[in-house]
Protein backbone atom coordinates (compact mmCIF):
# COMPACT_ATOMS: atom_id res chain seq x y z
CA MET A 1 16.49 -13.18 11.97
CA LEU A 2 13.06 -12.53 10.45
CA SER A 3 10.12 -14.12 12.23
CA LYS A 4 8.08 -16.32 9.90
CA THR A 5 4.89 -14.59 11.04
CA TYR A 6 5.93 -11.00 10.29
CA PRO A 7 5.11 -9.27 7.00
CA VAL A 8 8.08 -7.52 5.40
CA LEU A 9 7.73 -3.72 5.60
CA VAL A 10 7.97 -2.07 2.16
CA ILE A 11 8.29 1.69 1.68
CA PRO A 12 8.44 3.21 -1.83
CA ALA A 13 10.18 6.59 -1.67
CA TYR A 14 10.48 9.42 -4.18
CA ASN A 15 12.41 12.48 -2.96
CA PRO A 16 11.80 11.66 0.72
CA ASP A 17 12.70 13.96 3.58
CA GLN A 18 13.67 13.43 7.21
CA ARG A 19 10.24 11.98 8.01
CA LEU A 20 11.31 8.68 6.44
CA ILE A 21 14.32 8.49 8.77
CA GLU A 22 12.15 9.33 11.77
CA LEU A 23 9.58 6.67 10.86
CA LEU A 24 12.22 3.96 10.56
CA GLN A 25 13.95 5.03 13.77
CA GLU A 26 10.65 4.75 15.60
CA HIS A 27 10.06 1.35 13.99
CA LYS A 28 13.52 0.16 15.04
CA GLN A 29 12.91 1.19 18.65
CA LEU A 30 10.08 -1.34 18.82
CA GLY A 31 12.62 -4.15 18.71
CA TRP A 32 10.63 -6.06 16.11
CA GLU A 33 12.36 -8.69 14.01
CA GLN A 34 10.75 -7.24 10.90
CA GLU A 35 12.72 -6.75 7.70
CA CYS A 36 12.27 -3.53 5.75
CA ILE A 37 12.72 -2.82 2.04
CA ILE A 38 12.97 0.79 0.85
CA VAL A 39 12.73 1.51 -2.87
CA ASN A 40 14.36 4.70 -4.12
CA ASP A 41 12.17 5.54 -7.11
CA GLY A 42 14.64 7.73 -8.98
CA SER A 43 14.92 10.43 -6.32
CA ASN A 44 16.96 13.60 -6.85
CA LYS A 45 20.48 14.19 -5.54
CA LYS A 46 19.16 16.16 -2.57
CA SER A 47 17.53 13.00 -1.21
CA MET A 48 20.50 10.68 -1.70
CA PRO A 49 22.01 11.29 1.78
CA ILE A 50 18.82 9.83 3.26
CA PHE A 51 19.22 6.58 1.32
CA THR A 52 22.93 6.48 2.14
CA GLU A 53 22.10 6.81 5.83
CA LEU A 54 19.57 3.98 5.58
CA GLU A 55 22.05 1.72 3.79
CA ARG A 56 24.64 2.40 6.49
CA ALA A 57 22.01 1.40 9.05
CA SER A 58 21.74 -1.97 7.22
CA TYR A 59 18.34 -1.36 5.64
CA ILE A 60 17.67 -2.97 2.27
CA VAL A 61 17.56 -0.11 -0.26
CA LEU A 62 16.71 -0.83 -3.90
CA HIS A 63 17.31 1.88 -6.51
CA HIS A 64 15.56 2.89 -9.72
CA PRO A 65 17.81 4.89 -12.09
CA GLN A 66 14.87 7.20 -12.84
CA ASN A 67 11.37 7.82 -11.54
CA MET A 68 9.15 4.93 -12.65
CA GLY A 69 6.11 5.38 -10.40
CA LYS A 70 4.77 4.04 -7.13
CA GLY A 71 3.42 0.87 -8.73
CA ALA A 72 6.80 0.11 -10.31
CA ALA A 73 8.50 0.68 -6.96
CA LEU A 74 6.11 -1.70 -5.24
CA LYS A 75 6.70 -4.34 -7.91
CA THR A 76 10.47 -3.97 -7.55
CA ALA A 77 10.05 -4.67 -3.85
CA MET A 78 7.72 -7.58 -4.62
CA LYS A 79 10.28 -9.22 -6.89
CA TYR A 80 12.94 -8.88 -4.21
CA TYR A 81 10.54 -10.19 -1.58
CA LEU A 82 9.66 -13.26 -3.67
CA LYS A 83 13.33 -13.98 -4.28
CA VAL A 84 14.58 -13.48 -0.71
CA PHE A 85 11.75 -13.56 1.82
CA SER A 86 8.83 -15.59 0.44
CA ILE A 87 9.91 -18.71 2.37
CA LEU A 88 10.42 -16.72 5.56
CA SER A 89 7.43 -14.37 5.52
CA PRO A 90 3.75 -14.84 4.52
CA GLY A 91 3.45 -11.39 2.95
CA MET A 92 4.40 -7.74 2.97
CA ILE A 93 3.03 -4.51 4.43
CA THR A 94 3.31 -1.31 2.41
CA ALA A 95 3.52 2.19 3.90
CA ASP A 96 4.16 5.66 2.51
CA ALA A 97 7.40 7.56 3.05
CA ASP A 98 5.80 10.96 3.71
CA GLY A 99 4.60 10.38 7.25
CA GLN A 100 0.96 9.62 6.41
CA HIS A 101 1.11 6.27 8.20
CA GLY A 102 1.91 6.20 11.90
CA ILE A 103 4.01 3.44 13.39
CA LYS A 104 1.11 2.47 15.67
CA ASP A 105 -1.07 1.62 12.67
CA ILE A 106 1.77 -0.20 10.90
CA VAL A 107 2.18 -2.37 13.99
CA THR A 108 -1.58 -2.93 14.34
CA LEU A 109 -1.95 -4.16 10.76
CA SER A 110 1.20 -6.28 11.02
CA LYS A 111 -0.15 -8.02 14.12
CA GLN A 112 -3.53 -8.59 12.48
CA PHE A 113 -1.75 -10.05 9.47
CA GLN A 114 0.02 -12.49 11.77
CA GLN A 115 -3.38 -13.87 12.74
CA GLU A 116 -4.90 -13.85 9.24
CA PRO A 117 -2.04 -13.97 6.70
CA GLU A 118 -4.26 -15.19 3.87
CA LYS A 119 -6.23 -11.92 3.73
CA LEU A 120 -5.55 -8.54 2.14
CA HIS A 121 -5.58 -6.05 5.01
CA LEU A 122 -6.42 -2.39 4.32
CA GLY A 123 -5.78 0.51 6.68
CA VAL A 124 -8.89 2.65 6.22
CA ARG A 125 -8.66 6.42 6.72
CA GLN A 126 -11.50 8.70 7.79
CA ILE A 127 -11.60 10.65 4.53
CA THR A 128 -14.57 12.80 5.58
CA GLN A 129 -12.57 14.56 8.30
CA GLY A 130 -12.18 18.32 7.97
CA ASP A 131 -8.37 18.33 7.63
CA VAL A 132 -8.41 16.05 4.57
CA PRO A 133 -7.64 18.00 1.34
CA LEU A 134 -10.69 18.47 -0.89
CA ARG A 135 -9.08 16.75 -3.87
CA SER A 136 -8.44 13.67 -1.71
CA LYS A 137 -12.04 13.61 -0.52
CA ILE A 138 -13.43 13.87 -4.05
CA GLY A 139 -10.95 11.41 -5.56
CA ASN A 140 -11.49 8.74 -2.94
CA ALA A 141 -15.28 9.15 -2.96
CA LEU A 142 -15.42 8.72 -6.74
CA THR A 143 -13.06 5.75 -6.98
CA LYS A 144 -14.72 4.08 -4.00
CA PHE A 145 -18.17 4.46 -5.55
CA LEU A 146 -17.12 3.10 -8.95
CA PHE A 147 -15.07 0.23 -7.54
CA ASN A 148 -17.85 -0.92 -5.23
CA LEU A 149 -20.40 -0.60 -8.04
CA ILE A 150 -18.35 -2.72 -10.45
CA THR A 151 -17.23 -5.39 -7.97
CA ASN A 152 -20.21 -5.61 -5.60
CA SER A 153 -17.97 -4.60 -2.71
CA ARG A 154 -18.06 -2.35 0.33
CA ILE A 155 -14.53 -0.99 0.41
CA ARG A 156 -14.23 2.23 2.44
CA ASP A 157 -10.84 3.48 1.20
CA THR A 158 -9.63 2.40 -2.24
CA GLN A 159 -6.57 4.68 -2.22
CA THR A 160 -4.96 3.79 1.09
CA GLY A 161 -1.25 3.07 0.90
CA LEU A 162 -1.16 1.08 4.15
CA ARG A 163 -1.82 -2.52 3.14
CA CYS A 164 -0.80 -6.02 4.19
CA ILE A 165 -0.54 -8.10 1.03
CA PRO A 166 -0.54 -11.91 1.31
CA LEU A 167 2.06 -13.95 -0.55
CA GLY A 168 -0.49 -15.43 -2.95
CA LEU A 169 -1.68 -12.00 -4.03
CA VAL A 170 1.89 -10.75 -4.44
CA ARG A 171 2.44 -13.51 -7.00
CA HIS A 172 -0.59 -12.30 -8.98
CA LEU A 173 0.55 -8.67 -8.87
CA VAL A 174 4.25 -8.79 -9.57
CA GLU A 175 3.93 -9.06 -13.37
CA ARG A 176 1.09 -6.55 -13.84
CA SER A 177 1.82 -3.78 -16.35
CA THR A 178 0.60 -0.78 -14.34
CA ASN A 179 3.39 1.31 -12.83
CA ARG A 180 1.98 4.34 -11.05
CA TYR A 181 -0.74 5.18 -8.53
CA GLU A 182 -3.33 3.18 -10.45
CA PHE A 183 -1.48 0.00 -9.42
CA GLU A 184 -3.05 0.17 -5.95
CA LEU A 185 -6.55 0.29 -7.43
CA GLU A 186 -5.71 -2.58 -9.78
CA MET A 187 -4.54 -4.53 -6.72
CA LEU A 188 -8.06 -4.39 -5.30
CA PHE A 189 -9.58 -5.60 -8.57
CA ILE A 190 -7.13 -8.51 -8.72
CA ALA A 191 -7.82 -9.39 -5.09
CA ARG A 192 -11.57 -9.49 -5.74
CA LYS A 193 -11.16 -11.45 -8.97
CA HIS A 194 -9.11 -14.14 -7.23
CA HIS A 195 -11.38 -14.28 -4.17
CA PHE A 196 -8.94 -12.94 -1.59
CA GLN A 197 -10.71 -11.91 1.57
CA ILE A 198 -10.34 -8.22 2.41
CA LYS A 199 -10.14 -7.03 6.00
CA GLN A 200 -10.56 -3.31 6.68
CA THR A 201 -9.18 -1.64 9.80
CA PRO A 202 -9.62 2.05 10.73
CA ILE A 203 -6.34 3.97 10.99
CA GLU A 204 -5.34 7.51 11.92
CA THR A 205 -5.81 10.02 9.11
CA ILE A 206 -2.63 12.09 8.77
CA TYR A 207 -2.16 14.86 6.21
CA ILE A 208 0.93 17.06 6.62
CA ASP A 209 1.01 20.55 5.03
CA ASN A 210 -2.19 19.81 3.10
CA ASN A 211 -0.54 16.70 1.62
CA LYS A 212 2.16 18.80 -0.05
CA GLY A 213 4.50 15.80 -0.12
CA SER A 214 2.22 13.86 -2.46
CA HIS A 215 3.49 13.25 -5.99
CA PHE A 216 0.03 12.44 -7.36
CA ASN A 217 -0.58 14.14 -10.73
CA PRO A 218 -4.27 15.17 -10.74
CA LEU A 219 -4.61 14.94 -14.53
CA LEU A 220 -2.37 12.08 -15.65
CA ASP A 221 -2.88 9.81 -12.65
CA SER A 222 -6.65 10.37 -12.75
CA LEU A 223 -6.68 9.32 -16.41
CA ARG A 224 -4.69 6.19 -15.57
CA ILE A 225 -7.17 5.34 -12.82
CA CYS A 226 -10.06 5.80 -15.27
CA PHE A 227 -8.34 3.35 -17.62
CA ILE A 228 -8.26 0.74 -14.84
CA PHE A 229 -12.01 1.05 -14.40
CA PHE A 230 -12.58 0.59 -18.14
CA ARG A 231 -10.25 -2.42 -18.20
CA PHE A 232 -12.15 -4.26 -15.48
CA LEU A 233 -15.63 -3.09 -16.47
CA GLY A 234 -16.43 -6.30 -18.32
CA TRP A 235 -15.10 -8.64 -15.65
CA ARG A 236 -17.51 -10.70 -13.61
CA PHE A 237 -17.39 -10.47 -9.84
CA PRO A 238 -19.44 -12.44 -7.30
CA ARG A 239 -22.69 -10.81 -6.21
CA ASN A 240 -23.67 -9.95 -2.63
CA VAL A 241 -20.32 -11.15 -1.42
CA LEU A 242 -20.85 -9.96 2.15
CA LYS A 243 -24.20 -11.71 2.54
CA SER A 244 -23.69 -15.06 0.84
CA ASN A 245 -19.99 -15.73 1.33
CA PRO A 246 -18.19 -13.09 3.40
CA LYS A 247 -14.97 -12.55 1.50
CA GLN A 248 -14.43 -9.12 2.97
CA GLU A 249 -15.09 -7.43 6.26
CA ALA A 250 -16.31 -3.93 6.95
CA PRO A 251 -14.29 -1.81 9.37
CA LYS A 252 -15.10 -2.20 13.01
CA ALA A 253 -16.88 0.72 14.61
């Protein structure tokens, strides 16, 4: 039985490896009454035994017939969540399938969400660390600068995949048209536009094999992200939000 205070764990997966199994086994060992939704985003045949194993272990696995993108996978999970769990759970927590998010941080954000379920919680990585790939450093620095400039914000990590999303924000996001990595940036714009408070929490920065498991397309996905900035450029956002009406919180030291 799902506790009414737990966010539902959502993991979009495209061609995952054994790390997804290991993450969920570690999660199960905690003994938490936390439901989990895995979305197979059109993975290849080599990955199908992983999803079969998860289904046999009674995990909820949703399937896309072809690869549709991380945003589409998250929205598929959101639709299922709204249909099945919205009465039972105040929101959902998203994590990546490639081992970038440790179970300790997933638990930390889930517990914080229990205390403040009306906020959007972000797990903030230390992008300036030496083991972070250069393209990730540059990409996050640029998107962070532009997002904060446009929205009068102080977000430290605009590309983090570890997020607790409140029910109200899920309802705003589920019908958005973006389908790939730009969806996570659009989520932040929508949260700011609708005055959702944003809580930022430092998490462990994990990059395995120089982030070889990432499916981010440097050219196409960067262009899609640029389009998001142009789309929201003319929107009005509250000024000095931290000083006058603290709708977001900077990470604790």
